[in-house]
Protein backbone atom coordinates (compact mmCIF):
# COMPACT_ATOMS: atom_id res chain seq x y z
CA MET A 1 -12.52 66.57 -76.70
CA ASN A 2 -9.26 66.55 -78.67
CA GLN A 3 -9.44 63.59 -80.96
CA ASP A 4 -5.74 63.81 -81.71
CA ALA A 5 -4.95 63.33 -77.85
CA PRO A 6 -3.25 59.83 -77.35
CA GLN A 7 -5.57 57.27 -76.27
CA PRO A 8 -4.87 55.51 -72.84
CA ALA A 9 -3.63 51.92 -73.26
CA SER A 10 -5.69 48.94 -72.56
CA CYS A 11 -6.11 47.54 -69.08
CA CYS A 12 -3.69 45.08 -69.68
CA SER A 13 -0.87 47.11 -70.82
CA THR A 14 -0.58 45.68 -74.13
CA GLY A 15 -0.67 49.15 -75.70
CA ALA A 16 -3.49 48.07 -77.96
CA ALA A 17 -7.11 49.29 -78.08
CA ASN A 18 -9.62 47.42 -75.99
CA PRO A 19 -11.25 45.35 -79.10
CA ALA A 20 -14.04 43.79 -77.04
CA ALA A 21 -15.15 47.25 -75.39
CA ALA A 22 -15.32 48.90 -78.76
CA VAL A 23 -19.11 49.41 -79.38
CA SER A 24 -20.18 51.27 -82.69
CA GLY A 25 -21.66 55.11 -82.15
CA THR A 26 -21.87 56.57 -78.85
CA GLU A 27 -23.28 55.27 -75.58
CA ASN A 28 -26.51 56.26 -74.50
CA LEU A 29 -26.38 56.58 -70.76
CA LEU A 30 -30.42 57.01 -70.83
CA ALA A 31 -30.97 53.48 -72.49
CA PRO A 32 -31.29 50.37 -70.74
CA PRO A 33 -28.13 48.13 -70.69
CA SER A 34 -27.88 46.15 -73.50
CA GLU A 35 -27.98 42.31 -73.40
CA ASP A 36 -24.99 42.19 -75.59
CA MET A 37 -22.72 44.13 -72.76
CA THR A 38 -21.16 42.52 -69.65
CA THR A 39 -17.93 43.41 -67.67
CA CYS A 40 -14.67 41.83 -67.81
CA PRO A 41 -14.26 39.52 -64.59
CA VAL A 42 -10.40 40.44 -64.46
CA MET A 43 -10.86 44.21 -65.01
CA ALA A 44 -13.70 44.87 -62.95
CA GLY A 45 -16.05 47.52 -64.28
CA THR A 46 -14.58 47.42 -67.53
CA PRO A 47 -17.54 47.37 -70.19
CA VAL A 48 -17.23 44.52 -72.78
CA SER A 49 -19.35 43.83 -75.77
CA LYS A 50 -20.08 39.98 -75.79
CA ALA A 51 -20.26 39.64 -79.58
CA SER A 52 -17.21 41.69 -80.15
CA ALA A 53 -15.25 39.67 -77.47
CA GLU A 54 -16.48 36.39 -78.74
CA ALA A 55 -15.25 37.53 -82.35
CA ALA A 56 -11.98 38.58 -80.91
CA GLY A 57 -11.56 35.02 -78.96
CA LEU A 58 -11.60 37.02 -75.66
CA PHE A 59 -13.71 34.62 -73.36
CA ARG A 60 -13.36 31.49 -71.49
CA ASP A 61 -16.03 28.95 -70.31
CA HIS A 62 -15.61 27.81 -66.64
CA GLU A 63 -17.99 25.57 -64.93
CA GLY A 64 -20.77 26.27 -67.39
CA GLN A 65 -20.56 29.93 -67.43
CA ARG A 66 -18.97 32.33 -70.41
CA TYR A 67 -16.71 34.73 -69.27
CA HIS A 68 -15.81 37.75 -71.58
CA PHE A 69 -12.62 39.74 -71.51
CA CYS A 70 -12.02 43.26 -72.43
CA CYS A 71 -8.20 42.48 -73.74
CA PRO A 72 -6.08 39.58 -74.76
CA GLY A 73 -3.99 39.77 -71.45
CA CYS A 74 -7.11 39.09 -69.26
CA GLY A 75 -7.75 35.59 -70.53
CA PRO A 76 -4.37 34.38 -69.08
CA ALA A 77 -4.88 35.93 -65.85
CA PHE A 78 -8.49 34.39 -65.56
CA ASP A 79 -6.84 31.11 -66.59
CA ALA A 80 -4.39 31.30 -63.68
CA ASP A 81 -7.16 31.63 -61.01
CA PRO A 82 -10.69 31.26 -62.84
CA ALA A 83 -12.36 30.61 -59.55
CA ARG A 84 -11.15 33.79 -57.94
CA TYR A 85 -12.50 35.79 -60.98
CA ALA A 86 -15.59 33.66 -61.43
CA ALA A 87 -16.52 34.39 -57.71
CA SER A 88 -15.82 38.34 -58.23
CA THR A 89 -18.70 38.44 -60.99
CA ALA A 90 -21.23 36.43 -58.62
């Protein structure tokens, strides 16, 4: 893999890296899922580190549940229709 190749923009087209999905080291696909990991409710299937999302302020609380986002653009999308995104993660 060419490390000098341009990296894709975030899911929300901000052009920034995905701060909440960044996890140190390489992923061990044989290891059980980490309790720190979840998926973004807006960009379904996008992995998110809960700790990184919280440190970056990329989360919302809705009806007693905390939702973590992969990038800054997902919070406002969630705010526009939280019930829709909350239902997609249930």
